[in-house]
Protein backbone atom coordinates (compact mmCIF):
# COMPACT_ATOMS: atom_id res chain seq x y z
CA MET A 1 5.51 -13.24 -9.71
CA LEU A 2 6.24 -10.14 -8.65
CA ASN A 3 4.60 -9.03 -5.55
CA PHE A 4 3.81 -5.24 -5.46
CA GLU A 5 3.94 -4.92 -1.73
CA LEU A 6 7.27 -6.66 -1.59
CA VAL A 7 9.40 -3.91 -3.69
CA HIS A 8 10.65 -1.85 -1.26
CA PRO A 9 13.74 0.06 -1.61
CA ARG A 10 16.96 -0.81 0.56
CA CYS A 11 17.54 0.39 4.11
CA TRP A 12 18.51 -0.90 7.29
CA LEU A 13 16.28 1.08 10.72
CA GLY A 14 18.25 1.09 13.90
CA HIS A 15 15.90 -0.20 16.37
CA GLY A 16 14.31 -3.04 14.60
CA LEU A 17 13.22 -5.36 17.33
CA GLY A 18 11.35 -2.58 18.73
CA LEU A 19 9.77 -1.38 16.26
CA ALA A 20 8.74 -5.07 14.81
CA LEU A 21 6.89 -5.69 18.38
CA VAL A 22 5.13 -2.49 18.22
CA LEU A 23 3.70 -3.76 14.30
CA MET A 24 3.08 -7.01 15.45
CA ALA A 25 1.00 -6.12 18.31
CA MET A 26 -0.98 -3.24 16.26
CA VAL A 27 -1.90 -6.58 13.62
CA THR A 28 -2.23 -9.43 15.89
CA THR A 29 -3.46 -7.85 19.21
CA PRO A 30 -7.40 -8.58 19.75
CA ALA A 31 -9.26 -5.70 18.79
CA ILE A 32 -12.97 -4.76 20.45
CA ALA A 33 -15.16 -4.35 17.46
CA SER A 34 -16.22 -0.73 16.85
CA THR A 35 -19.82 0.59 14.70
CA ASP A 36 -17.83 3.09 12.12
CA GLY A 37 -14.67 1.30 10.20
CA VAL A 38 -16.47 -0.58 7.76
CA LYS A 39 -18.74 2.76 7.09
CA GLU A 40 -15.71 4.92 7.09
CA VAL A 41 -14.01 2.91 4.51
CA GLY A 42 -17.22 3.00 2.24
CA ASP A 43 -17.63 6.63 2.90
CA TYR A 44 -13.96 7.58 2.20
CA LEU A 45 -13.62 5.48 -1.40
CA ARG A 46 -17.26 7.36 -2.10
CA GLY A 47 -16.30 10.14 -4.75
CA LEU A 48 -12.44 9.39 -4.36
CA ASN A 49 -11.33 10.52 -7.62
CA ALA A 50 -7.79 11.42 -6.86
CA LEU A 51 -5.23 11.42 -3.87
CA GLN A 52 -2.04 12.67 -3.66
CA ALA A 53 0.08 12.04 0.00
CA ASP A 54 3.44 11.53 1.80
CA PHE A 55 4.03 8.49 3.01
CA ARG A 56 6.58 7.01 5.51
CA GLN A 57 6.48 2.93 4.97
CA ILE A 58 8.42 0.51 7.40
CA THR A 59 8.19 -3.39 6.82
CA ILE A 60 9.42 -5.97 9.30
CA PRO A 61 10.73 -9.11 7.46
CA ALA A 62 9.21 -12.48 8.24
CA ASP A 63 12.34 -13.54 9.79
CA GLY A 64 12.48 -11.05 12.32
CA GLY A 65 15.32 -9.16 9.96
CA PRO A 66 15.95 -5.84 10.97
CA ALA A 67 13.37 -3.57 9.85
CA LEU A 68 13.13 -1.75 6.53
CA GLU A 69 12.02 1.90 6.16
CA ALA A 70 11.15 4.10 3.20
CA SER A 71 9.27 7.49 2.74
CA GLY A 72 7.80 9.19 -0.53
CA THR A 73 4.90 10.30 -2.33
CA PHE A 74 1.89 8.27 -3.35
CA TYR A 75 -0.53 9.53 -6.31
CA LEU A 76 -3.69 7.87 -7.11
CA LEU A 77 -6.11 8.61 -10.03
CA ARG A 78 -9.20 6.18 -10.01
CA PRO A 79 -9.48 3.84 -11.64
CA ASN A 80 -6.56 1.64 -11.33
CA ARG A 81 -3.64 4.81 -11.73
CA PHE A 82 -1.20 5.14 -9.36
CA LEU A 83 2.19 5.98 -8.76
CA TRP A 84 4.65 5.48 -5.87
CA GLU A 85 7.66 7.84 -5.62
CA TYR A 86 10.27 6.80 -3.51
CA ASP A 87 12.48 9.68 -2.73
CA LYS A 88 14.57 7.93 0.25
CA PRO A 89 16.50 5.55 1.41
CA SER A 90 16.94 5.76 -2.66
CA PRO A 91 14.96 6.96 -5.78
CA GLN A 92 12.21 4.03 -7.27
CA ARG A 93 8.99 4.51 -9.23
CA ILE A 94 6.30 2.50 -9.03
CA VAL A 95 4.00 2.81 -12.07
CA ALA A 96 0.08 1.38 -13.04
CA ASP A 97 -0.81 2.44 -15.74
CA GLY A 98 -4.39 1.02 -15.47
CA LYS A 99 -3.08 -2.44 -17.36
CA ARG A 100 0.52 -2.56 -16.71
CA ILE A 101 2.70 -2.13 -13.54
CA TYR A 102 6.11 -0.90 -14.24
CA VAL A 103 8.81 -1.09 -11.20
CA HIS A 104 11.94 1.12 -12.07
CA ASP A 105 14.89 1.09 -9.67
CA VAL A 106 16.62 4.52 -10.68
CA GLU A 107 20.19 3.24 -9.00
CA LEU A 108 20.50 -0.13 -11.10
CA ASN A 109 18.39 1.73 -14.05
CA GLN A 110 16.38 -2.00 -14.05
CA VAL A 111 12.94 -2.07 -14.82
CA THR A 112 10.47 -4.99 -13.81
CA GLN A 113 7.07 -5.09 -15.22
CA THR A 114 3.95 -7.18 -14.96
CA SER A 115 0.12 -7.76 -15.21
CA GLN A 116 -1.91 -4.78 -13.16
CA LYS A 117 -4.38 -7.36 -12.18
CA LYS A 118 -1.75 -10.46 -11.28
CA VAL A 119 -0.23 -8.32 -8.61
CA LEU A 120 -3.09 -6.10 -6.95
CA ASP A 121 -5.47 -8.57 -5.73
CA GLY A 122 -5.77 -8.27 -1.93
CA THR A 123 -3.51 -5.41 -1.72
CA PRO A 124 -4.11 -1.81 -0.42
CA ALA A 125 -3.39 -0.42 -3.85
CA GLN A 126 -6.35 -2.40 -5.24
CA LEU A 127 -8.59 -1.42 -2.27
CA LEU A 128 -7.93 2.65 -2.89
CA ALA A 129 -7.51 2.28 -7.21
CA SER A 130 -10.86 -0.05 -7.67
CA ARG A 131 -14.39 2.13 -8.00
CA GLU A 132 -15.44 -1.46 -7.42
CA PRO A 133 -17.20 -1.67 -3.94
CA PRO A 134 -14.46 -2.87 -1.76
CA GLU A 135 -17.01 -5.91 -0.59
CA LYS A 136 -16.43 -7.41 -3.93
CA TYR A 137 -12.69 -7.97 -2.90
CA PHE A 138 -12.70 -8.08 0.98
CA ARG A 139 -14.53 -9.53 4.02
CA ILE A 140 -14.40 -6.57 6.41
CA ARG A 141 -15.14 -6.25 9.75
CA ASP A 142 -14.88 -3.01 12.44
CA ILE A 143 -12.07 -2.73 15.08
CA ASP A 144 -11.27 -0.65 17.74
CA ARG A 145 -7.82 -0.26 18.96
CA GLY A 146 -8.39 2.45 21.27
CA ASP A 147 -6.19 5.07 19.89
CA ASN A 148 -8.53 8.12 18.77
CA ARG A 149 -8.48 6.36 14.79
CA THR A 150 -11.12 4.38 13.27
CA TRP A 151 -10.25 1.50 12.13
CA ALA A 152 -11.45 -1.35 9.74
CA GLU A 153 -9.95 -4.90 8.65
CA LEU A 154 -10.39 -6.45 5.14
CA ILE A 155 -9.47 -9.72 4.27
CA PRO A 156 -8.64 -10.91 0.95
CA LYS A 157 -11.86 -13.11 -0.63
CA THR A 158 -9.24 -14.59 -2.95
CA GLN A 159 -7.16 -17.45 -2.36
CA ASP A 160 -4.78 -16.46 -5.04
CA THR A 161 -2.75 -13.58 -3.42
CA GLU A 162 0.17 -13.30 -0.83
CA VAL A 163 -1.98 -11.05 1.86
CA ALA A 164 -3.27 -12.61 4.56
CA LYS A 165 -5.02 -9.07 5.93
CA LEU A 166 -5.20 -5.27 5.78
CA GLN A 167 -6.24 -2.61 8.40
CA ILE A 168 -6.65 0.86 7.34
CA ALA A 169 -6.91 3.76 10.14
CA PHE A 170 -9.06 7.00 9.67
CA MET A 171 -8.16 9.88 11.58
CA ASP A 172 -10.77 12.66 11.79
CA GLY A 173 -12.37 11.52 8.24
CA GLU A 174 -8.99 11.33 6.91
CA LEU A 175 -6.39 8.35 5.48
CA ASP A 176 -4.01 8.21 8.00
CA THR A 177 -2.78 4.26 8.50
CA MET A 178 -2.56 1.04 6.91
CA LEU A 179 -1.04 -1.98 8.17
CA MET A 180 -0.71 -5.16 5.98
CA GLU A 181 0.35 -8.93 6.87
CA ASP A 182 1.16 -11.33 4.35
CA ARG A 183 0.91 -15.05 4.02
CA PHE A 184 4.77 -15.13 4.65
CA GLY A 185 4.49 -13.31 8.09
CA GLN A 186 5.83 -9.77 6.81
CA LEU A 187 4.56 -6.73 8.38
CA THR A 188 4.26 -3.43 6.61
CA ARG A 189 3.15 -0.08 7.58
CA PHE A 190 2.23 2.98 5.87
CA VAL A 191 1.43 6.05 7.55
CA PHE A 192 0.10 8.92 5.27
CA THR A 193 0.71 12.65 6.23
CA ASN A 194 -0.05 15.86 3.98
CA VAL A 195 -3.13 14.03 2.31
CA ASP A 196 -4.53 15.59 -0.71
CA ARG A 197 -8.16 14.60 -1.60
CA ASN A 198 -9.33 14.64 -5.05
CA PRO A 199 -6.74 17.00 -6.46
CA ARG A 200 -6.20 17.99 -10.20
CA LEU A 201 -3.66 15.00 -11.29
CA GLN A 202 -2.68 14.37 -14.98
CA TYR A 203 -3.11 11.43 -16.50
CA SER A 204 0.49 11.80 -18.64
CA MET A 205 2.09 11.43 -14.68
CA PHE A 206 0.47 7.62 -14.99
CA ARG A 207 1.92 6.69 -18.38
CA PHE A 208 5.65 4.77 -17.78
CA LYS A 209 8.39 6.19 -20.16
CA ARG A 210 11.27 3.90 -20.87
CA PRO A 211 14.37 5.22 -19.54
CA PRO A 212 17.74 5.14 -22.02
CA GLY A 213 19.46 2.49 -21.25
CA ALA A 214 17.50 0.46 -18.67
CA ASP A 215 17.59 -3.49 -18.43
CA TYR A 216 14.01 -5.11 -18.64
CA LEU A 217 12.44 -8.30 -16.81
CA ASP A 218 8.90 -8.98 -18.04
CA MET A 219 7.53 -11.37 -14.74
CA ASP A 220 4.56 -12.48 -16.87
């Protein structure tokens, strides 16, 4: 089974151990309860039709190996369409058209595809892309990390997902950070900048066009 959140471009980040300790502390350290996180999630998703943002992604492997870093631009068109366009360290595109997810490794000219529903359960992409109330898929609680952000923690209700928990943070009402811990102990952090809420995006952006000569791998 293809796990959307485990598909990352390849890059070794220098200070892996120190970064790993920081990320682990942010995900696992007990947090003081706040009263705003759950409300902030609901308020942010309410009226959200589209989203565009630059992102930095840092992944700490479960085996304690070097951290992986990537960056690019994220596009969302609700319901259930998104595009992660990685530019560093190597070009890669992850496209969801509402039914299928396509992962295109540009350097290898290789495409992996699978059912969108099969992949998204319990993931940050499901939280943002679905128009269903987040409580349908997650148990949500307020947390406070004392960093001037408003945090909420979301635990997937389904057992058939590799995601153990999500944490999402807002700064002044804007999406700022997402942290994800999977059931194997891998940690992933997304930091969003240049966030544009409800931009005018075209449906054509989320239609995957088969690259000439590409190798296809169907994961269904």
